[in-house]
Each structure stands twice: as C-alpha cells, then as structure tokens.
Amino acid sequence: MNFHTRKWIKPEDLNPNGTLFGGRLLQWIDEEAALYAIIQLENPKTVTKYMSEINFKSSSVKGDIIEIGIRAIKFGATSITLCCEVRNVMTREVIITIDTIVMVSLDQDGKPRPHGKSEIEYVRNRLK
C-alpha cells in the first residue's frame, strides 16, 4: 500500500457526533484514487466507475492526522482497479478499507479509452 496523502482532521471535517464525517473521507479517497489513476494511466480524463463495500473500522476525531493508502490490484483494457486503506498516522489504527475502486480512462467523447498499461509505472522512470 502506498500512502501518499495525509490529512489533518479539523472542526469543519466533523459530523454532529464529533467524529470525522464519512462523506468528507470518501471525498478525499475519491480524489486520491483519481489522482493515482490519472498518473498511472497518463490521462487526465479518468473517472470513478465503481466503489465496492466501504468498511468503517474505527473513527477519527479533531486533531488526528490520517493517511490515505492506494494500491493498484488490476489493469483492465480501459480501467485500473485499486484498493484503499485509511489509517491514523500516529496509532496506525485502520479507519476505513475499500477493497475495490475501478477507475476508467476516457477519450475526448467521454467513452472508455484503452490505455495500454499492464503494470505500475513510476513517473521518475518515464522521465529517463
């Protein structure tokens, strides 16, 4: 799992119970998955097609620092399938897991576009 993004939980991220609002966390996860897929597929027109069951395992409160982990698990002809784990940076306690997030590469007309990728590539290797 690659943990690239960290978020500091602030008052505006909380629900009425004083814990991290699930919708805010899902927004951050969707954005992180999109960025990861765009970089891997080298196409800024990449969208979320599917998210599997979302498993909330623990909560987070104001002042916590969390990190979002994404890992590619499969490349399709026009898609990349990812999994996600979010955890507390300090305690390493898992907050949420998502087993499957499917991101699809689109062409200029908004139709699925083959990307020709079959494995993870790192930007630093593309620049050589």
C-alpha atoms as a PDB file:
ATOM      1  CA  MET A   1       0.000   0.000   0.000  1.00  0.00           C
ATOM      2  CA  ASN A   2       1.371   3.419  -0.956  1.00  0.00           C
ATOM      3  CA  PHE A   3       0.438   6.171   1.491  1.00  0.00           C
ATOM      4  CA  HIS A   4       0.893   9.493  -0.316  1.00  0.00           C
ATOM      5  CA  THR A   5      -1.658  11.824   1.221  1.00  0.00           C
ATOM      6  CA  ARG A   6      -2.103  12.966   4.784  1.00  0.00           C
ATOM      7  CA  LYS A   7      -4.982  14.984   6.176  1.00  0.00           C
ATOM      8  CA  TRP A   8      -5.267  16.815   9.475  1.00  0.00           C
ATOM      9  CA  ILE A   9      -8.788  16.465  10.878  1.00  0.00           C
ATOM     10  CA  LYS A  10     -10.228  19.940  11.511  1.00  0.00           C
ATOM     11  CA  PRO A  11     -13.554  21.088  13.010  1.00  0.00           C
ATOM     12  CA  GLU A  12     -15.142  21.508   9.566  1.00  0.00           C
ATOM     13  CA  ASP A  13     -14.469  17.795   8.836  1.00  0.00           C
ATOM     14  CA  LEU A  14     -16.560  16.550  11.767  1.00  0.00           C
ATOM     15  CA  ASN A  15     -20.108  15.237  11.942  1.00  0.00           C
ATOM     16  CA  PRO A  16     -22.560  16.103  14.782  1.00  0.00           C
ATOM     17  CA  ASN A  17     -21.026  13.265  16.861  1.00  0.00           C
ATOM     18  CA  GLY A  18     -17.637  14.992  16.854  1.00  0.00           C
ATOM     19  CA  THR A  19     -16.006  12.356  14.643  1.00  0.00           C
ATOM     20  CA  LEU A  20     -14.786  12.514  11.057  1.00  0.00           C
ATOM     21  CA  PHE A  21     -17.735  12.813   8.648  1.00  0.00           C
ATOM     22  CA  GLY A  22     -17.762   9.751   6.368  1.00  0.00           C
ATOM     23  CA  GLY A  23     -18.721  11.826   3.334  1.00  0.00           C
ATOM     24  CA  ARG A  24     -15.678  14.040   3.752  1.00  0.00           C
ATOM     25  CA  LEU A  25     -13.421  10.975   3.995  1.00  0.00           C
ATOM     26  CA  LEU A  26     -14.980   9.438   0.876  1.00  0.00           C
ATOM     27  CA  GLN A  27     -14.409  12.718  -0.981  1.00  0.00           C
ATOM     28  CA  TRP A  28     -10.713  12.578  -0.073  1.00  0.00           C
ATOM     29  CA  ILE A  29     -10.469   8.896  -1.065  1.00  0.00           C
ATOM     30  CA  ASP A  30     -12.164   9.514  -4.429  1.00  0.00           C
ATOM     31  CA  GLU A  31      -9.790  12.393  -5.146  1.00  0.00           C
ATOM     32  CA  GLU A  32      -6.741  10.332  -4.153  1.00  0.00           C
ATOM     33  CA  ALA A  33      -7.900   7.395  -6.315  1.00  0.00           C
ATOM     34  CA  ALA A  34      -8.462   9.739  -9.266  1.00  0.00           C
ATOM     35  CA  LEU A  35      -5.018  11.317  -8.926  1.00  0.00           C
ATOM     36  CA  TYR A  36      -3.372   7.903  -8.638  1.00  0.00           C
ATOM     37  CA  ALA A  37      -5.231   6.590 -11.706  1.00  0.00           C
ATOM     38  CA  ILE A  38      -4.579   9.731 -13.785  1.00  0.00           C
ATOM     39  CA  ILE A  39      -0.850   9.444 -13.120  1.00  0.00           C
ATOM     40  CA  GLN A  40      -0.766   5.694 -13.833  1.00  0.00           C
ATOM     41  CA  LEU A  41      -2.910   5.840 -16.974  1.00  0.00           C
ATOM     42  CA  GLU A  42      -1.429   9.159 -18.151  1.00  0.00           C
ATOM     43  CA  ASN A  43      -4.890  10.505 -18.903  1.00  0.00           C
ATOM     44  CA  PRO A  44      -6.488  13.446 -17.060  1.00  0.00           C
ATOM     45  CA  LYS A  45      -9.907  12.258 -18.311  1.00  0.00           C
ATOM     46  CA  THR A  46     -10.158   9.389 -15.828  1.00  0.00           C
ATOM     47  CA  VAL A  47     -13.301   8.845 -13.762  1.00  0.00           C
ATOM     48  CA  THR A  48     -14.607   6.696 -10.923  1.00  0.00           C
ATOM     49  CA  LYS A  49     -16.788   3.863 -12.228  1.00  0.00           C
ATOM     50  CA  TYR A  50     -17.273   1.748  -9.118  1.00  0.00           C
ATOM     51  CA  MET A  51     -16.556   1.525  -5.391  1.00  0.00           C
ATOM     52  CA  SER A  52     -17.200  -1.698  -3.509  1.00  0.00           C
ATOM     53  CA  GLU A  53     -18.364  -2.016   0.073  1.00  0.00           C
ATOM     54  CA  ILE A  54     -16.870   0.620   2.332  1.00  0.00           C
ATOM     55  CA  ASN A  55     -15.848  -0.802   5.678  1.00  0.00           C
ATOM     56  CA  PHE A  56     -15.609   1.740   8.508  1.00  0.00           C
ATOM     57  CA  LYS A  57     -13.421   0.101  11.166  1.00  0.00           C
ATOM     58  CA  SER A  58     -12.786   2.976  13.580  1.00  0.00           C
ATOM     59  CA  SER A  59     -13.378   6.699  13.889  1.00  0.00           C
ATOM     60  CA  SER A  60     -11.184   9.750  13.822  1.00  0.00           C
ATOM     61  CA  VAL A  61     -11.511  12.974  15.816  1.00  0.00           C
ATOM     62  CA  LYS A  62     -10.390  16.593  15.597  1.00  0.00           C
ATOM     63  CA  GLY A  63      -6.623  16.866  15.655  1.00  0.00           C
ATOM     64  CA  ASP A  64      -5.957  13.379  14.283  1.00  0.00           C
ATOM     65  CA  ILE A  65      -3.671  13.043  11.282  1.00  0.00           C
ATOM     66  CA  ILE A  66      -4.760  10.365   8.848  1.00  0.00           C
ATOM     67  CA  GLU A  67      -3.125   8.957   5.741  1.00  0.00           C
ATOM     68  CA  ILE A  68      -4.764   7.548   2.636  1.00  0.00           C
ATOM     69  CA  GLY A  69      -3.220   4.481   1.029  1.00  0.00           C
ATOM     70  CA  ILE A  70      -3.929   3.327  -2.502  1.00  0.00           C
ATOM     71  CA  ARG A  71      -2.673   0.215  -4.291  1.00  0.00           C
ATOM     72  CA  ALA A  72      -3.276  -0.955  -7.863  1.00  0.00           C
ATOM     73  CA  ILE A  73      -4.532  -4.521  -7.961  1.00  0.00           C
ATOM     74  CA  LYS A  74      -5.501  -4.985 -11.618  1.00  0.00           C
ATOM     75  CA  PHE A  75      -5.258  -3.341 -15.019  1.00  0.00           C
ATOM     76  CA  GLY A  76      -8.148  -3.745 -17.454  1.00  0.00           C
ATOM     77  CA  ALA A  77      -8.195  -2.629 -21.088  1.00  0.00           C
ATOM     78  CA  THR A  78      -9.667   0.787 -20.202  1.00  0.00           C
ATOM     79  CA  SER A  79      -9.554   0.676 -16.407  1.00  0.00           C
ATOM     80  CA  ILE A  80      -7.392   0.322 -13.342  1.00  0.00           C
ATOM     81  CA  THR A  81      -8.674  -1.364 -10.197  1.00  0.00           C
ATOM     82  CA  LEU A  82      -7.420  -0.058  -6.866  1.00  0.00           C
ATOM     83  CA  CYS A  83      -7.866  -0.830  -3.189  1.00  0.00           C
ATOM     84  CA  CYS A  84      -7.698   1.678  -0.353  1.00  0.00           C
ATOM     85  CA  GLU A  85      -6.877   1.829   3.325  1.00  0.00           C
ATOM     86  CA  VAL A  86      -7.026   4.894   5.542  1.00  0.00           C
ATOM     87  CA  ARG A  87      -5.253   4.855   8.877  1.00  0.00           C
ATOM     88  CA  ASN A  88      -4.315   7.093  11.773  1.00  0.00           C
ATOM     89  CA  VAL A  89      -0.701   8.189  11.257  1.00  0.00           C
ATOM     90  CA  MET A  90       0.198   8.144  14.952  1.00  0.00           C
ATOM     91  CA  THR A  91      -1.549   4.961  16.090  1.00  0.00           C
ATOM     92  CA  ARG A  92      -1.623   3.052  12.748  1.00  0.00           C
ATOM     93  CA  GLU A  93      -5.231   2.119  13.569  1.00  0.00           C
ATOM     94  CA  VAL A  94      -7.192   1.417  10.382  1.00  0.00           C
ATOM     95  CA  ILE A  95     -10.135   3.788   9.926  1.00  0.00           C
ATOM     96  CA  ILE A  96     -11.604   2.527   6.648  1.00  0.00           C
ATOM     97  CA  THR A  97     -10.956  -0.051   3.926  1.00  0.00           C
ATOM     98  CA  ILE A  98     -12.315  -0.276   0.403  1.00  0.00           C
ATOM     99  CA  ASP A  99     -11.487  -3.484  -1.439  1.00  0.00           C
ATOM    100  CA  THR A 100     -12.299  -2.310  -4.969  1.00  0.00           C
ATOM    101  CA  ILE A 101     -12.269   1.065  -6.696  1.00  0.00           C
ATOM    102  CA  VAL A 102     -12.500   0.954 -10.502  1.00  0.00           C
ATOM    103  CA  MET A 103     -11.259   3.993 -12.407  1.00  0.00           C
ATOM    104  CA  VAL A 104     -11.838   4.268 -16.177  1.00  0.00           C
ATOM    105  CA  SER A 105      -9.789   6.142 -18.764  1.00  0.00           C
ATOM    106  CA  LEU A 106     -11.967   8.169 -21.174  1.00  0.00           C
ATOM    107  CA  ASP A 107     -11.425   9.616 -24.641  1.00  0.00           C
ATOM    108  CA  GLN A 108     -12.418  13.130 -25.741  1.00  0.00           C
ATOM    109  CA  ASP A 109     -16.024  11.992 -26.296  1.00  0.00           C
ATOM    110  CA  GLY A 110     -16.351  10.530 -22.798  1.00  0.00           C
ATOM    111  CA  LYS A 111     -16.141   6.910 -23.996  1.00  0.00           C
ATOM    112  CA  PRO A 112     -13.826   4.327 -22.391  1.00  0.00           C
ATOM    113  CA  ARG A 113     -10.374   4.524 -23.964  1.00  0.00           C
ATOM    114  CA  PRO A 114      -7.793   1.706 -23.965  1.00  0.00           C
ATOM    115  CA  HIS A 115      -4.731   2.813 -22.031  1.00  0.00           C
ATOM    116  CA  GLY A 116      -2.223   0.090 -22.943  1.00  0.00           C
ATOM    117  CA  LYS A 117      -0.893  -0.250 -19.377  1.00  0.00           C
ATOM    118  CA  SER A 118      -0.344  -3.555 -17.614  1.00  0.00           C
ATOM    119  CA  GLU A 119       1.798  -2.695 -14.602  1.00  0.00           C
ATOM    120  CA  ILE A 120       2.636   0.116 -12.208  1.00  0.00           C
ATOM    121  CA  GLU A 121       4.928   2.757 -13.644  1.00  0.00           C
ATOM    122  CA  TYR A 122       6.718   5.420 -11.676  1.00  0.00           C
ATOM    123  CA  VAL A 123       6.965   8.931 -13.100  1.00  0.00           C
ATOM    124  CA  ARG A 124      10.699   9.066 -12.354  1.00  0.00           C
ATOM    125  CA  ASN A 125      11.195   6.097 -14.731  1.00  0.00           C
ATOM    126  CA  ARG A 126       9.219   7.795 -17.518  1.00  0.00           C
ATOM    127  CA  LEU A 127      11.491  10.842 -17.423  1.00  0.00           C
ATOM    128  CA  LYS A 128      14.703   8.996 -18.302  1.00  0.00           C
END
